[in-house]
Amino acid sequence: MITGIQIRGARAMTGMSIDELAAASGLAPDIIEALEDGDGVGEPRAFLAAKHALEAAGVIFISSGGQDEGGPGVRLRARSESDDGIRPEFLNASNDG
């Protein structure tokens, strides 16, 4: 099972607001806030909905490792070669978001 901290971190990594994650997962914004704050214990359906929405946005959830490998975490899926983003010389005020 994922944790509220992982949801918060994944949302931050993708740049999603609480409202955007709520819309993508079909949950109410206050449920997203409760999950992130740890109040969502016992809500596996809500955790799963948030997890699926974040995975669709490119997040990989990492489970707890062994004794020396650290705890649960998140990372972004590697970009494909065809998605290099915007080259620095083409960045401007209209596309910096």
PDB file of N, CA and C in Angstrom:
ATOM      1  N   MET A   1       0.845  -1.183   0.000  1.00  0.00           N
ATOM      2  CA  MET A   1       0.000   0.000   0.000  1.00  0.00           C
ATOM      3  C   MET A   1       0.886   1.241   0.000  1.00  0.00           C
ATOM      4  N   ILE A   2       0.439   2.290  -0.667  1.00  0.00           N
ATOM      5  CA  ILE A   2       1.188   3.539  -0.705  1.00  0.00           C
ATOM      6  C   ILE A   2       0.835   4.398   0.509  1.00  0.00           C
ATOM      7  N   THR A   3       1.643   5.416   0.736  1.00  0.00           N
ATOM      8  CA  THR A   3       1.428   6.288   1.889  1.00  0.00           C
ATOM      9  C   THR A   3       0.983   7.676   1.435  1.00  0.00           C
ATOM     10  N   GLY A   4       0.478   8.444   2.393  1.00  0.00           N
ATOM     11  CA  GLY A   4       0.084   9.816   2.114  1.00  0.00           C
ATOM     12  C   GLY A   4       1.266  10.672   1.687  1.00  0.00           C
ATOM     13  N   ILE A   5       2.421  10.409   2.269  1.00  0.00           N
ATOM     14  CA  ILE A   5       3.630  11.155   1.901  1.00  0.00           C
ATOM     15  C   ILE A   5       4.008  10.865   0.450  1.00  0.00           C
ATOM     16  N   GLN A   6       3.843   9.620   0.024  1.00  0.00           N
ATOM     17  CA  GLN A   6       4.127   9.291  -1.372  1.00  0.00           C
ATOM     18  C   GLN A   6       3.160  10.022  -2.301  1.00  0.00           C
ATOM     19  N   ILE A   7       1.892  10.090  -1.925  1.00  0.00           N
ATOM     20  CA  ILE A   7       0.919  10.805  -2.759  1.00  0.00           C
ATOM     21  C   ILE A   7       1.307  12.273  -2.861  1.00  0.00           C
ATOM     22  N   ARG A   8       1.628  12.892  -1.730  1.00  0.00           N
ATOM     23  CA  ARG A   8       2.007  14.304  -1.724  1.00  0.00           C
ATOM     24  C   ARG A   8       3.253  14.531  -2.575  1.00  0.00           C
ATOM     25  N   GLY A   9       4.245  13.657  -2.427  1.00  0.00           N
ATOM     26  CA  GLY A   9       5.475  13.785  -3.205  1.00  0.00           C
ATOM     27  C   GLY A   9       5.240  13.583  -4.691  1.00  0.00           C
ATOM     28  N   ALA A  10       4.434  12.597  -5.030  1.00  0.00           N
ATOM     29  CA  ALA A  10       4.137  12.321  -6.434  1.00  0.00           C
ATOM     30  C   ALA A  10       3.373  13.483  -7.060  1.00  0.00           C
ATOM     31  N   ARG A  11       2.439  14.037  -6.309  1.00  0.00           N
ATOM     32  CA  ARG A  11       1.679  15.183  -6.813  1.00  0.00           C
ATOM     33  C   ARG A  11       2.612  16.363  -7.055  1.00  0.00           C
ATOM     34  N   ALA A  12       3.549  16.587  -6.139  1.00  0.00           N
ATOM     35  CA  ALA A  12       4.505  17.685  -6.304  1.00  0.00           C
ATOM     36  C   ALA A  12       5.408  17.442  -7.512  1.00  0.00           C
ATOM     37  N   MET A  13       5.855  16.204  -7.700  1.00  0.00           N
ATOM     38  CA  MET A  13       6.748  15.895  -8.819  1.00  0.00           C
ATOM     39  C   MET A  13       6.072  16.100 -10.164  1.00  0.00           C
ATOM     40  N   THR A  14       4.778  15.864 -10.230  1.00  0.00           N
ATOM     41  CA  THR A  14       4.059  16.022 -11.488  1.00  0.00           C
ATOM     42  C   THR A  14       3.530  17.430 -11.676  1.00  0.00           C
ATOM     43  N   GLY A  15       3.571  18.236 -10.605  1.00  0.00           N
ATOM     44  CA  GLY A  15       3.051  19.599 -10.686  1.00  0.00           C
ATOM     45  C   GLY A  15       1.542  19.680 -10.606  1.00  0.00           C
ATOM     46  N   MET A  16       0.898  18.604 -10.168  1.00  0.00           N
ATOM     47  CA  MET A  16      -0.561  18.590 -10.062  1.00  0.00           C
ATOM     48  C   MET A  16      -1.010  19.300  -8.788  1.00  0.00           C
ATOM     49  N   SER A  17      -2.078  20.054  -8.906  1.00  0.00           N
ATOM     50  CA  SER A  17      -2.686  20.642  -7.714  1.00  0.00           C
ATOM     51  C   SER A  17      -3.593  19.594  -7.075  1.00  0.00           C
ATOM     52  N   ILE A  18      -4.048  19.874  -5.884  1.00  0.00           N
ATOM     53  CA  ILE A  18      -4.994  18.971  -5.225  1.00  0.00           C
ATOM     54  C   ILE A  18      -6.253  18.839  -6.075  1.00  0.00           C
ATOM     55  N   ASP A  19      -6.731  19.950  -6.618  1.00  0.00           N
ATOM     56  CA  ASP A  19      -7.937  19.906  -7.448  1.00  0.00           C
ATOM     57  C   ASP A  19      -7.724  19.087  -8.716  1.00  0.00           C
ATOM     58  N   GLU A  20      -6.542  19.195  -9.316  1.00  0.00           N
ATOM     59  CA  GLU A  20      -6.258  18.414 -10.524  1.00  0.00           C
ATOM     60  C   GLU A  20      -6.191  16.926 -10.217  1.00  0.00           C
ATOM     61  N   LEU A  21      -5.561  16.560  -9.107  1.00  0.00           N
ATOM     62  CA  LEU A  21      -5.516  15.146  -8.735  1.00  0.00           C
ATOM     63  C   LEU A  21      -6.914  14.646  -8.380  1.00  0.00           C
ATOM     64  N   ALA A  22      -7.689  15.481  -7.726  1.00  0.00           N
ATOM     65  CA  ALA A  22      -9.061  15.093  -7.388  1.00  0.00           C
ATOM     66  C   ALA A  22      -9.861  14.798  -8.663  1.00  0.00           C
ATOM     67  N   ALA A  23      -9.746  15.672  -9.647  1.00  0.00           N
ATOM     68  CA  ALA A  23     -10.467  15.464 -10.904  1.00  0.00           C
ATOM     69  C   ALA A  23      -9.987  14.211 -11.633  1.00  0.00           C
ATOM     70  N   ALA A  24      -8.670  13.998 -11.654  1.00  0.00           N
ATOM     71  CA  ALA A  24      -8.107  12.847 -12.357  1.00  0.00           C
ATOM     72  C   ALA A  24      -8.455  11.521 -11.672  1.00  0.00           C
ATOM     73  N   SER A  25      -8.617  11.555 -10.357  1.00  0.00           N
ATOM     74  CA  SER A  25      -8.875  10.318  -9.612  1.00  0.00           C
ATOM     75  C   SER A  25     -10.353  10.085  -9.316  1.00  0.00           C
ATOM     76  N   GLY A  26     -11.187  11.103  -9.539  1.00  0.00           N
ATOM     77  CA  GLY A  26     -12.606  10.968  -9.232  1.00  0.00           C
ATOM     78  C   GLY A  26     -12.912  11.114  -7.749  1.00  0.00           C
ATOM     79  N   LEU A  27     -11.969  11.679  -7.000  1.00  0.00           N
ATOM     80  CA  LEU A  27     -12.146  11.882  -5.562  1.00  0.00           C
ATOM     81  C   LEU A  27     -12.379  13.361  -5.273  1.00  0.00           C
ATOM     82  N   ALA A  28     -12.945  13.649  -4.133  1.00  0.00           N
ATOM     83  CA  ALA A  28     -13.126  15.036  -3.710  1.00  0.00           C
ATOM     84  C   ALA A  28     -11.799  15.597  -3.215  1.00  0.00           C
ATOM     85  N   PRO A  29     -11.559  16.900  -3.403  1.00  0.00           N
ATOM     86  CA  PRO A  29     -10.305  17.491  -2.930  1.00  0.00           C
ATOM     87  C   PRO A  29     -10.043  17.268  -1.440  1.00  0.00           C
ATOM     88  N   ASP A  30     -11.077  17.277  -0.635  1.00  0.00           N
ATOM     89  CA  ASP A  30     -10.851  17.061   0.806  1.00  0.00           C
ATOM     90  C   ASP A  30     -10.396  15.631   1.098  1.00  0.00           C
ATOM     91  N   ILE A  31     -10.754  14.683   0.247  1.00  0.00           N
ATOM     92  CA  ILE A  31     -10.271  13.313   0.428  1.00  0.00           C
ATOM     93  C   ILE A  31      -8.784  13.235   0.071  1.00  0.00           C
ATOM     94  N   ILE A  32      -8.385  13.937  -0.988  1.00  0.00           N
ATOM     95  CA  ILE A  32      -6.962  13.983  -1.343  1.00  0.00           C
ATOM     96  C   ILE A  32      -6.174  14.578  -0.185  1.00  0.00           C
ATOM     97  N   GLU A  33      -6.656  15.678   0.377  1.00  0.00           N
ATOM     98  CA  GLU A  33      -5.976  16.309   1.516  1.00  0.00           C
ATOM     99  C   GLU A  33      -5.886  15.343   2.689  1.00  0.00           C
ATOM    100  N   ALA A  34      -6.970  14.607   2.953  1.00  0.00           N
ATOM    101  CA  ALA A  34      -6.972  13.647   4.066  1.00  0.00           C
ATOM    102  C   ALA A  34      -5.972  12.524   3.815  1.00  0.00           C
ATOM    103  N   LEU A  35      -5.884  12.048   2.581  1.00  0.00           N
ATOM    104  CA  LEU A  35      -4.918  11.000   2.252  1.00  0.00           C
ATOM    105  C   LEU A  35      -3.498  11.496   2.487  1.00  0.00           C
ATOM    106  N   GLU A  36      -3.213  12.705   2.025  1.00  0.00           N
ATOM    107  CA  GLU A  36      -1.867  13.258   2.173  1.00  0.00           C
ATOM    108  C   GLU A  36      -1.513  13.532   3.630  1.00  0.00           C
ATOM    109  N   ASP A  37      -2.505  13.893   4.421  1.00  0.00           N
ATOM    110  CA  ASP A  37      -2.260  14.194   5.839  1.00  0.00           C
ATOM    111  C   ASP A  37      -2.218  12.945   6.706  1.00  0.00           C
ATOM    112  N   GLY A  38      -2.506  11.783   6.119  1.00  0.00           N
ATOM    113  CA  GLY A  38      -2.482  10.551   6.883  1.00  0.00           C
ATOM    114  C   GLY A  38      -3.812  10.200   7.503  1.00  0.00           C
ATOM    115  N   ASP A  39      -4.837  11.035   7.266  1.00  0.00           N
ATOM    116  CA  ASP A  39      -6.153  10.761   7.828  1.00  0.00           C
ATOM    117  C   ASP A  39      -6.923   9.714   7.026  1.00  0.00           C
ATOM    118  N   GLY A  40      -6.378   9.303   5.877  1.00  0.00           N
ATOM    119  CA  GLY A  40      -7.088   8.386   4.996  1.00  0.00           C
ATOM    120  C   GLY A  40      -6.838   6.927   5.303  1.00  0.00           C
ATOM    121  N   VAL A  41      -6.318   6.630   6.484  1.00  0.00           N
ATOM    122  CA  VAL A  41      -6.075   5.240   6.853  1.00  0.00           C
ATOM    123  C   VAL A  41      -7.395   4.493   6.802  1.00  0.00           C
ATOM    124  N   GLY A  42      -7.389   3.345   6.154  1.00  0.00           N
ATOM    125  CA  GLY A  42      -8.613   2.559   6.043  1.00  0.00           C
ATOM    126  C   GLY A  42      -9.428   2.890   4.809  1.00  0.00           C
ATOM    127  N   GLU A  43      -8.860   3.686   3.903  1.00  0.00           N
ATOM    128  CA  GLU A  43      -9.547   4.050   2.667  1.00  0.00           C
ATOM    129  C   GLU A  43      -8.795   3.486   1.462  1.00  0.00           C
ATOM    130  N   PRO A  44      -8.715   2.172   1.337  1.00  0.00           N
ATOM    131  CA  PRO A  44      -7.916   1.603   0.242  1.00  0.00           C
ATOM    132  C   PRO A  44      -8.416   2.002  -1.141  1.00  0.00           C
ATOM    133  N   ARG A  45      -9.732   2.178  -1.309  1.00  0.00           N
ATOM    134  CA  ARG A  45     -10.269   2.571  -2.614  1.00  0.00           C
ATOM    135  C   ARG A  45      -9.778   3.964  -3.001  1.00  0.00           C
ATOM    136  N   ALA A  46      -9.722   4.875  -2.037  1.00  0.00           N
ATOM    137  CA  ALA A  46      -9.256   6.233  -2.302  1.00  0.00           C
ATOM    138  C   ALA A  46      -7.764   6.237  -2.625  1.00  0.00           C
ATOM    139  N   PHE A  47      -6.968   5.491  -1.857  1.00  0.00           N
ATOM    140  CA  PHE A  47      -5.539   5.391  -2.136  1.00  0.00           C
ATOM    141  C   PHE A  47      -5.309   4.828  -3.535  1.00  0.00           C
ATOM    142  N   LEU A  48      -6.064   3.805  -3.889  1.00  0.00           N
ATOM    143  CA  LEU A  48      -5.919   3.176  -5.198  1.00  0.00           C
ATOM    144  C   LEU A  48      -6.287   4.137  -6.326  1.00  0.00           C
ATOM    145  N   ALA A  49      -7.365   4.893  -6.157  1.00  0.00           N
ATOM    146  CA  ALA A  49      -7.777   5.854  -7.182  1.00  0.00           C
ATOM    147  C   ALA A  49      -6.700   6.930  -7.377  1.00  0.00           C
ATOM    148  N   ALA A  50      -6.152   7.442  -6.275  1.00  0.00           N
ATOM    149  CA  ALA A  50      -5.095   8.448  -6.364  1.00  0.00           C
ATOM    150  C   ALA A  50      -3.850   7.846  -7.007  1.00  0.00           C
ATOM    151  N   LYS A  51      -3.505   6.626  -6.623  1.00  0.00           N
ATOM    152  CA  LYS A  51      -2.329   5.946  -7.173  1.00  0.00           C
ATOM    153  C   LYS A  51      -2.456   5.782  -8.681  1.00  0.00           C
ATOM    154  N   HIS A  52      -3.609   5.338  -9.155  1.00  0.00           N
ATOM    155  CA  HIS A  52      -3.809   5.120 -10.586  1.00  0.00           C
ATOM    156  C   HIS A  52      -3.718   6.431 -11.358  1.00  0.00           C
ATOM    157  N   ALA A  53      -4.288   7.506 -10.810  1.00  0.00           N
ATOM    158  CA  ALA A  53      -4.226   8.805 -11.483  1.00  0.00           C
ATOM    159  C   ALA A  53      -2.791   9.304 -11.566  1.00  0.00           C
ATOM    160  N   LEU A  54      -2.031   9.127 -10.509  1.00  0.00           N
ATOM    161  CA  LEU A  54      -0.641   9.577 -10.503  1.00  0.00           C
ATOM    162  C   LEU A  54       0.231   8.702 -11.406  1.00  0.00           C
ATOM    163  N   GLU A  55      -0.037   7.416 -11.446  1.00  0.00           N
ATOM    164  CA  GLU A  55       0.704   6.534 -12.364  1.00  0.00           C
ATOM    165  C   GLU A  55       0.434   6.923 -13.812  1.00  0.00           C
ATOM    166  N   ALA A  56      -0.804   7.311 -14.111  1.00  0.00           N
ATOM    167  CA  ALA A  56      -1.133   7.758 -15.467  1.00  0.00           C
ATOM    168  C   ALA A  56      -0.384   9.037 -15.820  1.00  0.00           C
ATOM    169  N   ALA A  57      -0.010   9.818 -14.801  1.00  0.00           N
ATOM    170  CA  ALA A  57       0.744  11.054 -15.010  1.00  0.00           C
ATOM    171  C   ALA A  57       2.256  10.804 -15.053  1.00  0.00           C
ATOM    172  N   GLY A  58       2.669   9.539 -14.939  1.00  0.00           N
ATOM    173  CA  GLY A  58       4.077   9.201 -15.093  1.00  0.00           C
ATOM    174  C   GLY A  58       4.829   8.875 -13.813  1.00  0.00           C
ATOM    175  N   VAL A  59       4.117   8.646 -12.713  1.00  0.00           N
ATOM    176  CA  VAL A  59       4.758   8.351 -11.433  1.00  0.00           C
ATOM    177  C   VAL A  59       4.936   6.849 -11.258  1.00  0.00           C
ATOM    178  N   ILE A  60       6.071   6.470 -10.687  1.00  0.00           N
ATOM    179  CA  ILE A  60       6.320   5.087 -10.283  1.00  0.00           C
ATOM    180  C   ILE A  60       6.423   5.086  -8.772  1.00  0.00           C
ATOM    181  N   PHE A  61       5.641   4.247  -8.119  1.00  0.00           N
ATOM    182  CA  PHE A  61       5.688   4.131  -6.662  1.00  0.00           C
ATOM    183  C   PHE A  61       6.676   3.043  -6.284  1.00  0.00           C
ATOM    184  N   ILE A  62       7.545   3.351  -5.326  1.00  0.00           N
ATOM    185  CA  ILE A  62       8.587   2.433  -4.886  1.00  0.00           C
ATOM    186  C   ILE A  62       8.254   1.972  -3.477  1.00  0.00           C
ATOM    187  N   SER A  63       8.218   0.670  -3.274  1.00  0.00           N
ATOM    188  CA  SER A  63       7.894   0.143  -1.946  1.00  0.00           C
ATOM    189  C   SER A  63       9.114   0.198  -1.042  1.00  0.00           C
ATOM    190  N   SER A  64       8.899  -0.068   0.222  1.00  0.00           N
ATOM    191  CA  SER A  64      10.009  -0.089   1.181  1.00  0.00           C
ATOM    192  C   SER A  64      11.031  -1.115   0.762  1.00  0.00           C
ATOM    193  N   GLY A  65      12.291  -0.755   0.915  1.00  0.00           N
ATOM    194  CA  GLY A  65      13.363  -1.678   0.594  1.00  0.00           C
ATOM    195  C   GLY A  65      13.768  -2.459   1.821  1.00  0.00           C
ATOM    196  N   GLY A  66      14.875  -3.128   1.699  1.00  0.00           N
ATOM    197  CA  GLY A  66      15.421  -3.862   2.837  1.00  0.00           C
ATOM    198  C   GLY A  66      15.988  -2.901   3.858  1.00  0.00           C
ATOM    199  N   GLN A  67      16.706  -3.418   4.774  1.00  0.00           N
ATOM    200  CA  GLN A  67      17.248  -2.639   5.877  1.00  0.00           C
ATOM    201  C   GLN A  67      18.096  -1.455   5.401  1.00  0.00           C
ATOM    202  N   ASP A  68      18.869  -1.633   4.350  1.00  0.00           N
ATOM    203  CA  ASP A  68      19.776  -0.583   3.887  1.00  0.00           C
ATOM    204  C   ASP A  68      19.269   0.159   2.655  1.00  0.00           C
ATOM    205  N   GLU A  69      18.099  -0.176   2.158  1.00  0.00           N
ATOM    206  CA  GLU A  69      17.634   0.394   0.899  1.00  0.00           C
ATOM    207  C   GLU A  69      16.683   1.561   1.058  1.00  0.00           C
ATOM    208  N   GLY A  70      16.348   1.949   2.249  1.00  0.00           N
ATOM    209  CA  GLY A  70      15.456   3.081   2.429  1.00  0.00           C
ATOM    210  C   GLY A  70      13.996   2.682   2.464  1.00  0.00           C
ATOM    211  N   GLY A  71      13.170   3.677   2.639  1.00  0.00           N
ATOM    212  CA  GLY A  71      11.737   3.451   2.760  1.00  0.00           C
ATOM    213  C   GLY A  71      11.016   3.654   1.444  1.00  0.00           C
ATOM    214  N   PRO A  72       9.708   3.762   1.523  1.00  0.00           N
ATOM    215  CA  PRO A  72       8.911   3.931   0.304  1.00  0.00           C
ATOM    216  C   PRO A  72       9.213   5.276  -0.346  1.00  0.00           C
ATOM    217  N   GLY A  73       9.027   5.345  -1.642  1.00  0.00           N
ATOM    218  CA  GLY A  73       9.300   6.583  -2.360  1.00  0.00           C
ATOM    219  C   GLY A  73       8.555   6.660  -3.669  1.00  0.00           C
ATOM    220  N   VAL A  74       8.883   7.672  -4.454  1.00  0.00           N
ATOM    221  CA  VAL A  74       8.294   7.865  -5.777  1.00  0.00           C
ATOM    222  C   VAL A  74       9.379   8.337  -6.730  1.00  0.00           C
ATOM    223  N   ARG A  75       9.172   8.096  -7.986  1.00  0.00           N
ATOM    224  CA  ARG A  75      10.040   8.627  -9.031  1.00  0.00           C
ATOM    225  C   ARG A  75       9.218   8.790 -10.287  1.00  0.00           C
ATOM    226  N   LEU A  76       9.740   9.542 -11.235  1.00  0.00           N
ATOM    227  CA  LEU A  76       9.045   9.717 -12.506  1.00  0.00           C
ATOM    228  C   LEU A  76       9.542   8.695 -13.506  1.00  0.00           C
ATOM    229  N   ARG A  77       8.633   8.223 -14.324  1.00  0.00           N
ATOM    230  CA  ARG A  77       8.990   7.294 -15.390  1.00  0.00           C
ATOM    231  C   ARG A  77       9.933   8.002 -16.356  1.00  0.00           C
ATOM    232  N   ALA A  78      10.889   7.302 -16.892  1.00  0.00           N
ATOM    233  CA  ALA A  78      11.847   7.882 -17.843  1.00  0.00           C
ATOM    234  C   ALA A  78      11.100   8.371 -19.077  1.00  0.00           C
ATOM    235  N   ARG A  79      11.546   9.498 -19.577  1.00  0.00           N
ATOM    236  CA  ARG A  79      10.955  10.022 -20.812  1.00  0.00           C
ATOM    237  C   ARG A  79      11.419   9.196 -21.991  1.00  0.00           C
ATOM    238  N   SER A  80      10.587   9.131 -22.991  1.00  0.00           N
ATOM    239  CA  SER A  80      10.995   8.451 -24.217  1.00  0.00           C
ATOM    240  C   SER A  80      11.927   9.383 -24.989  1.00  0.00           C
ATOM    241  N   GLU A  81      12.650   8.838 -25.911  1.00  0.00           N
ATOM    242  CA  GLU A  81      13.589   9.650 -26.684  1.00  0.00           C
ATOM    243  C   GLU A  81      12.877  10.723 -27.486  1.00  0.00           C
ATOM    244  N   SER A  82      11.626  10.493 -27.845  1.00  0.00           N
ATOM    245  CA  SER A  82      10.902  11.471 -28.648  1.00  0.00           C
ATOM    246  C   SER A  82      10.365  12.619 -27.801  1.00  0.00           C
ATOM    247  N   ASP A  83      10.455  12.526 -26.468  1.00  0.00           N
ATOM    248  CA  ASP A  83       9.955  13.578 -25.582  1.00  0.00           C
ATOM    249  C   ASP A  83      11.124  14.196 -24.820  1.00  0.00           C
ATOM    250  N   ASP A  84      11.823  15.104 -25.472  1.00  0.00           N
ATOM    251  CA  ASP A  84      12.967  15.757 -24.848  1.00  0.00           C
ATOM    252  C   ASP A  84      12.589  17.049 -24.141  1.00  0.00           C
ATOM    253  N   GLY A  85      11.317  17.402 -24.152  1.00  0.00           N
ATOM    254  CA  GLY A  85      10.906  18.645 -23.526  1.00  0.00           C
ATOM    255  C   GLY A  85      11.245  19.833 -24.413  1.00  0.00           C
ATOM    256  N   ILE A  86      11.320  21.000 -23.802  1.00  0.00           N
ATOM    257  CA  ILE A  86      11.615  22.224 -24.540  1.00  0.00           C
ATOM    258  C   ILE A  86      13.098  22.541 -24.383  1.00  0.00           C
ATOM    259  N   ARG A  87      13.759  22.775 -25.486  1.00  0.00           N
ATOM    260  CA  ARG A  87      15.175  23.130 -25.452  1.00  0.00           C
ATOM    261  C   ARG A  87      15.331  24.485 -24.769  1.00  0.00           C
ATOM    262  N   PRO A  88      16.391  24.679 -23.998  1.00  0.00           N
ATOM    263  CA  PRO A  88      16.581  25.932 -23.252  1.00  0.00           C
ATOM    264  C   PRO A  88      16.493  27.188 -24.109  1.00  0.00           C
ATOM    265  N   GLU A  89      16.992  27.127 -25.324  1.00  0.00           N
ATOM    266  CA  GLU A  89      16.967  28.318 -26.172  1.00  0.00           C
ATOM    267  C   GLU A  89      15.559  28.704 -26.629  1.00  0.00           C
ATOM    268  N   PHE A  90      14.591  27.779 -26.446  1.00  0.00           N
ATOM    269  CA  PHE A  90      13.218  28.074 -26.840  1.00  0.00           C
ATOM    270  C   PHE A  90      12.320  28.404 -25.654  1.00  0.00           C
ATOM    271  N   LEU A  91      12.872  28.429 -24.448  1.00  0.00           N
ATOM    272  CA  LEU A  91      12.082  28.786 -23.275  1.00  0.00           C
ATOM    273  C   LEU A  91      11.772  30.273 -23.280  1.00  0.00           C
ATOM    274  N   ASN A  92      10.536  30.593 -22.933  1.00  0.00           N
ATOM    275  CA  ASN A  92      10.134  31.995 -22.801  1.00  0.00           C
ATOM    276  C   ASN A  92       8.999  32.080 -21.793  1.00  0.00           C
ATOM    277  N   ALA A  93       8.530  33.249 -21.519  1.00  0.00           N
ATOM    278  CA  ALA A  93       7.498  33.454 -20.503  1.00  0.00           C
ATOM    279  C   ALA A  93       6.195  32.708 -20.822  1.00  0.00           C
ATOM    280  N   SER A  94       5.899  32.470 -22.089  1.00  0.00           N
ATOM    281  CA  SER A  94       4.636  31.817 -22.430  1.00  0.00           C
ATOM    282  C   SER A  94       4.687  30.300 -22.288  1.00  0.00           C
ATOM    283  N   ASN A  95       5.877  29.705 -22.194  1.00  0.00           N
ATOM    284  CA  ASN A  95       5.939  28.241 -22.090  1.00  0.00           C
ATOM    285  C   ASN A  95       6.746  27.760 -20.896  1.00  0.00           C
ATOM    286  N   ASP A  96       6.913  28.597 -19.870  1.00  0.00           N
ATOM    287  CA  ASP A  96       7.711  28.188 -18.720  1.00  0.00           C
ATOM    288  C   ASP A  96       6.897  27.482 -17.656  1.00  0.00           C
ATOM    289  N   GLY A  97       5.645  27.214 -17.875  1.00  0.00           N
ATOM    290  CA  GLY A  97       4.800  26.572 -16.867  1.00  0.00           C
ATOM    291  C   GLY A  97       4.751  25.144 -17.050  1.00  0.00           C
TER     292      GLY A  97
END
